[in-house]
Amino acid sequence: MIDVQNLTRKFGEFVAVHDISFTVERGEIFAFLGPNGAGKTTTIKILTTLLPPTSGTVRIDGLDPTRDSTAVRARIGIVFQDPSLDQNLSAWENLDLHGALYHVPRKLRRERAQVLLELFGLWERREELVKQYSGGMMRRLEIARGLLHTPRILFLDEPTLGLDPQSRNQLWTHVKRLNQEEGVTVFLTTHYMDEADRVAGRIAVIDHGRIVSLGTSAELKTSTGSATLEEAFLALTGTEIREESAGSADQMRRAARAWRGR
């Protein structure tokens, strides 16, 4: 479903992603882990058509995200770190608007919206404004919205950030059910190692723009001689604290400022 070969992305002299290769099988739950500034967000932006690569090839369901961006966007659903719901609309209105933007026929999008709201436990509160929802409810609604147009791949960029353990557990229960019952391929990032250990079939660890390990949780633990995935992650990426300001997002901003100043 996802095929990445020798992918590199530069911002001026800064190399955010350096010659990485990996594949994600159809129907797989794949975790993409790394410290702040490791290159996760840059990679996701390339996979989801938001950023072109400097070199290398990317295929999403056989399509090039740069040349076939419209077709790729129809095949993917995205839940970003930052909430993107319209909080002055109801849950029902958010889903209806999303369906209209993706040209889902009115009857079909209403049927699909009801199925998803029921699946994520939001049907009884569908008419309430989103700003009255808890954080966990908003996250569930964002995933429901991302699935409304029946994507083949769901990208989850730290979807449980800031949620309590109960909400995190419920969200992943829903995601696994979708994966098993509807065959949705899931590509996720998270800083919660227990989540990746529990839900992902395979895990890639990226650091300083390079993939430093790829395999099942058990394989990563064995290769590093670790008892837990968190220990394996630290063995692969080090224990020093990574500052957000040193990350690729900051480097991107610097490169953009330099380009505008030319």
Protein backbone atom coordinates (compact mmCIF):
# COMPACT_ATOMS: atom_id res chain seq x y z
CA MET A 1 0.00 0.00 0.00
CA ILE A 2 2.93 2.35 0.71
CA ASP A 3 6.25 1.96 -1.11
CA VAL A 4 9.09 4.37 -0.25
CA GLN A 5 12.47 3.99 -1.95
CA ASN A 6 15.56 6.12 -1.31
CA LEU A 7 13.48 9.08 -0.16
CA THR A 8 15.39 12.29 0.60
CA ARG A 9 14.05 15.71 1.50
CA LYS A 10 16.29 18.78 1.91
CA PHE A 11 15.56 22.31 3.07
CA GLY A 12 18.49 24.33 1.84
CA GLU A 13 21.55 22.62 3.29
CA PHE A 14 19.54 20.82 5.96
CA VAL A 15 18.65 17.19 5.21
CA ALA A 16 15.40 16.39 7.03
CA VAL A 17 14.99 12.91 5.54
CA HIS A 18 18.04 11.04 4.26
CA ASP A 19 17.70 8.16 1.77
CA ILE A 20 15.03 6.14 3.60
CA SER A 21 13.25 3.08 2.22
CA PHE A 22 10.36 1.02 3.60
CA THR A 23 7.06 -0.56 2.57
CA VAL A 24 3.69 -0.90 4.28
CA GLU A 25 1.54 -3.85 3.32
CA ARG A 26 -2.16 -3.62 2.54
CA GLY A 27 -4.18 -4.00 5.76
CA GLU A 28 -1.15 -3.51 8.02
CA ILE A 29 -0.87 -1.30 11.11
CA PHE A 30 2.56 0.31 10.79
CA ALA A 31 4.17 2.53 13.43
CA PHE A 32 6.70 5.23 12.49
CA LEU A 33 8.56 6.27 15.64
CA GLY A 34 11.28 8.80 16.36
CA PRO A 35 12.37 11.62 18.68
CA ASN A 36 11.45 15.25 18.06
CA GLY A 37 13.02 16.49 14.84
CA ALA A 38 13.81 12.99 13.57
CA GLY A 39 12.01 13.44 10.24
CA LYS A 40 8.60 11.88 11.01
CA THR A 41 6.47 14.90 10.13
CA THR A 42 8.42 15.63 6.95
CA THR A 43 7.94 12.03 5.81
CA ILE A 44 4.21 12.11 6.54
CA LYS A 45 3.82 15.38 4.62
CA ILE A 46 5.46 13.77 1.60
CA LEU A 47 3.29 10.65 1.84
CA THR A 48 0.12 12.74 2.11
CA THR A 49 0.89 15.03 -0.90
CA LEU A 50 1.67 18.11 1.21
CA LEU A 51 5.38 18.23 0.35
CA PRO A 52 7.36 17.03 -2.69
CA PRO A 53 10.48 14.91 -2.18
CA THR A 54 13.91 16.17 -3.16
CA SER A 55 14.78 12.74 -4.55
CA GLY A 56 13.64 9.13 -4.36
CA THR A 57 10.28 7.57 -5.14
CA VAL A 58 7.02 7.26 -3.21
CA ARG A 59 3.97 5.25 -4.20
CA ILE A 60 0.65 5.29 -2.36
CA ASP A 61 -1.56 2.46 -3.59
CA GLY A 62 0.56 2.50 -6.74
CA LEU A 63 0.22 6.27 -7.27
CA ASP A 64 2.81 9.07 -7.12
CA PRO A 65 1.72 11.64 -4.47
CA THR A 66 3.33 14.47 -6.47
CA ARG A 67 1.92 13.72 -9.92
CA ASP A 68 -1.34 12.07 -8.80
CA SER A 69 -2.10 14.18 -5.73
CA THR A 70 -5.88 14.32 -6.23
CA ALA A 71 -6.21 10.56 -6.65
CA VAL A 72 -3.94 9.94 -3.64
CA ARG A 73 -5.94 12.32 -1.43
CA ALA A 74 -9.11 10.40 -2.30
CA ARG A 75 -7.45 7.24 -0.98
CA ILE A 76 -6.18 8.57 2.35
CA GLY A 77 -7.60 9.86 5.62
CA ILE A 78 -5.50 12.01 7.96
CA VAL A 79 -5.67 12.85 11.66
CA PHE A 80 -2.99 15.42 12.50
CA GLN A 81 -1.52 16.25 15.92
CA ASP A 82 -3.43 19.53 16.15
CA PRO A 83 -7.26 19.47 16.19
CA SER A 84 -8.79 20.57 12.90
CA LEU A 85 -12.52 20.24 13.56
CA ASP A 86 -14.81 23.26 13.28
CA GLN A 87 -15.80 23.62 16.92
CA ASN A 88 -18.75 25.87 16.10
CA LEU A 89 -20.38 23.08 14.12
CA SER A 90 -21.97 19.90 15.43
CA ALA A 91 -20.42 16.48 14.92
CA TRP A 92 -23.00 15.77 12.24
CA GLU A 93 -22.25 19.03 10.43
CA ASN A 94 -18.49 18.40 10.52
CA LEU A 95 -18.96 15.02 8.87
CA ASP A 96 -21.45 16.34 6.34
CA LEU A 97 -19.09 19.16 5.33
CA HIS A 98 -16.17 16.75 4.96
CA GLY A 99 -18.25 14.43 2.80
CA ALA A 100 -19.32 17.31 0.57
CA LEU A 101 -15.71 18.44 0.11
CA TYR A 102 -14.79 14.90 -0.96
CA HIS A 103 -17.79 14.76 -3.33
CA VAL A 104 -19.44 11.90 -1.47
CA PRO A 105 -23.11 11.79 -2.64
CA ARG A 106 -25.47 13.24 -0.03
CA LYS A 107 -27.38 10.03 0.67
CA LEU A 108 -24.22 7.96 0.94
CA ARG A 109 -22.40 10.43 3.19
CA ARG A 110 -25.35 10.60 5.58
CA GLU A 111 -25.50 6.82 5.76
CA ARG A 112 -21.75 6.63 6.27
CA ALA A 113 -21.83 9.40 8.90
CA GLN A 114 -24.43 7.53 10.94
CA VAL A 115 -22.43 4.28 10.80
CA LEU A 116 -19.24 6.04 11.92
CA LEU A 117 -20.88 8.10 14.68
CA GLU A 118 -22.45 4.95 16.05
CA LEU A 119 -19.15 3.06 15.77
CA PHE A 120 -17.28 5.74 17.72
CA GLY A 121 -19.98 6.18 20.35
CA LEU A 122 -21.02 9.68 19.26
CA TRP A 123 -24.43 9.12 17.67
CA GLU A 124 -26.44 10.27 20.68
CA ARG A 125 -24.49 13.54 20.78
CA ARG A 126 -24.32 14.18 17.04
CA GLU A 127 -26.25 17.47 17.26
CA GLU A 128 -24.04 18.98 19.98
CA LEU A 129 -21.44 21.58 19.07
CA VAL A 130 -17.94 20.11 18.98
CA LYS A 131 -16.67 22.76 21.43
CA GLN A 132 -18.76 21.01 24.09
CA TYR A 133 -16.93 17.69 23.51
CA SER A 134 -14.15 16.26 25.65
CA GLY A 135 -10.69 15.76 24.14
CA GLY A 136 -11.31 12.06 23.66
CA MET A 137 -14.61 12.67 21.89
CA MET A 138 -12.97 15.18 19.55
CA ARG A 139 -10.25 12.69 18.64
CA ARG A 140 -12.82 9.99 17.93
CA LEU A 141 -14.77 12.41 15.76
CA GLU A 142 -11.62 13.36 13.83
CA ILE A 143 -10.96 9.72 13.03
CA ALA A 144 -14.60 9.22 12.03
CA ARG A 145 -14.32 12.25 9.75
CA GLY A 146 -11.09 10.92 8.23
CA LEU A 147 -12.90 7.67 7.37
CA LEU A 148 -16.06 9.18 5.90
CA HIS A 149 -14.86 9.07 2.29
CA THR A 150 -13.81 5.41 2.73
CA PRO A 151 -10.03 5.84 2.50
CA ARG A 152 -7.74 2.88 1.96
CA ILE A 153 -5.06 4.30 4.25
CA LEU A 154 -5.48 6.17 7.55
CA PHE A 155 -2.59 8.37 8.71
CA LEU A 156 -2.60 9.04 12.47
CA ASP A 157 -0.01 11.59 13.62
CA GLU A 158 0.12 11.30 17.44
CA PRO A 159 -3.69 10.94 17.67
CA THR A 160 -3.74 10.32 21.44
CA LEU A 161 -1.59 13.29 22.44
CA GLY A 162 -3.05 14.80 25.62
CA LEU A 163 -5.69 12.12 26.13
CA ASP A 164 -6.23 10.25 29.40
CA PRO A 165 -5.49 6.48 29.50
CA GLN A 166 -9.17 5.53 29.19
CA SER A 167 -9.65 7.66 26.07
CA ARG A 168 -6.40 6.35 24.57
CA ASN A 169 -7.47 2.75 25.14
CA GLN A 170 -10.91 3.34 23.64
CA LEU A 171 -9.49 5.09 20.59
CA TRP A 172 -7.08 2.26 19.78
CA THR A 173 -9.83 -0.31 20.29
CA HIS A 174 -11.84 1.46 17.57
CA VAL A 175 -8.82 1.75 15.25
CA LYS A 176 -7.99 -1.96 15.55
CA ARG A 177 -11.63 -2.83 14.87
CA LEU A 178 -11.60 -0.70 11.71
CA ASN A 179 -8.37 -2.33 10.60
CA GLN A 180 -9.73 -5.84 11.16
CA GLU A 181 -13.30 -5.36 9.89
CA GLU A 182 -12.79 -2.87 7.03
CA GLY A 183 -9.19 -3.67 6.07
CA VAL A 184 -8.02 -0.07 6.48
CA THR A 185 -4.23 0.26 6.38
CA VAL A 186 -3.00 2.38 9.32
CA PHE A 187 0.21 4.44 9.40
CA LEU A 188 0.74 5.96 12.83
CA THR A 189 3.18 7.99 14.86
CA THR A 190 3.15 8.18 18.64
CA HIS A 191 5.43 8.97 21.57
CA TYR A 192 3.63 6.36 23.68
CA MET A 193 5.71 3.22 23.20
CA ASP A 194 3.07 1.01 24.81
CA GLU A 195 0.61 2.03 22.08
CA ALA A 196 2.96 1.04 19.27
CA ASP A 197 3.83 -2.19 21.08
CA ARG A 198 0.15 -3.07 21.45
CA VAL A 199 -1.32 -2.16 18.06
CA ALA A 200 1.42 -2.14 15.39
CA GLY A 201 2.42 -5.18 13.39
CA ARG A 202 5.75 -3.61 12.41
CA ILE A 203 7.66 -0.57 13.61
CA ALA A 204 10.18 1.71 11.90
CA VAL A 205 12.43 3.90 14.06
CA ILE A 206 13.76 7.05 12.41
CA ASP A 207 16.45 9.32 13.87
CA HIS A 208 18.34 12.23 12.34
CA GLY A 209 16.47 11.61 9.09
CA ARG A 210 17.55 7.96 8.75
CA ILE A 211 15.72 4.73 9.55
CA VAL A 212 17.83 3.08 12.25
CA SER A 213 15.70 -0.05 12.73
CA LEU A 214 12.62 -1.73 11.25
CA GLY A 215 10.81 -4.85 12.38
CA THR A 216 8.26 -6.19 14.82
CA SER A 217 8.32 -5.05 18.42
CA ALA A 218 9.82 -8.41 19.40
CA GLU A 219 12.56 -8.07 16.77
CA LEU A 220 13.48 -4.56 17.94
CA LYS A 221 13.67 -5.76 21.54
CA THR A 222 15.80 -8.76 20.60
CA SER A 223 18.21 -6.77 18.42
CA THR A 224 18.86 -4.26 21.22
CA GLY A 225 18.74 -6.72 24.11
CA SER A 226 15.84 -4.80 25.66
CA ALA A 227 12.96 -5.94 27.82
CA THR A 228 10.52 -3.29 26.56
CA LEU A 229 9.93 -1.34 23.37
CA GLU A 230 10.72 1.90 25.23
CA GLU A 231 14.12 0.51 26.23
CA ALA A 232 14.73 -0.57 22.63
CA PHE A 233 13.75 2.88 21.36
CA LEU A 234 16.17 4.59 23.75
CA ALA A 235 18.92 2.15 22.81
CA LEU A 236 18.43 3.07 19.16
CA THR A 237 18.01 6.84 19.51
CA GLY A 238 19.84 7.74 22.73
CA THR A 239 18.64 9.21 25.99
CA GLU A 240 19.40 12.90 25.51
CA ILE A 241 16.43 15.27 25.39
CA ARG A 242 15.59 16.56 21.92
CA GLU A 243 14.50 20.17 21.77
CA GLU A 244 11.67 21.06 19.41
CA SER A 245 13.69 24.07 18.20
CA ALA A 246 16.32 21.67 16.86
CA GLY A 247 13.77 19.77 14.83
CA SER A 248 13.03 19.70 11.14
CA ALA A 249 10.07 22.08 11.46
CA ASP A 250 12.39 24.80 12.75
CA GLN A 251 14.89 24.05 10.01
CA MET A 252 12.08 24.35 7.45
CA ARG A 253 11.15 27.78 8.79
CA ARG A 254 14.78 28.92 8.63
CA ALA A 255 15.13 27.67 5.06
CA ALA A 256 11.92 29.48 4.05
CA ARG A 257 13.12 32.75 5.63
CA ALA A 258 16.46 32.42 3.86
CA TRP A 259 14.73 31.77 0.54
CA ARG A 260 12.44 34.80 0.93
CA GLY A 261 15.44 36.98 1.76
CA ARG A 262 17.29 36.18 -1.45
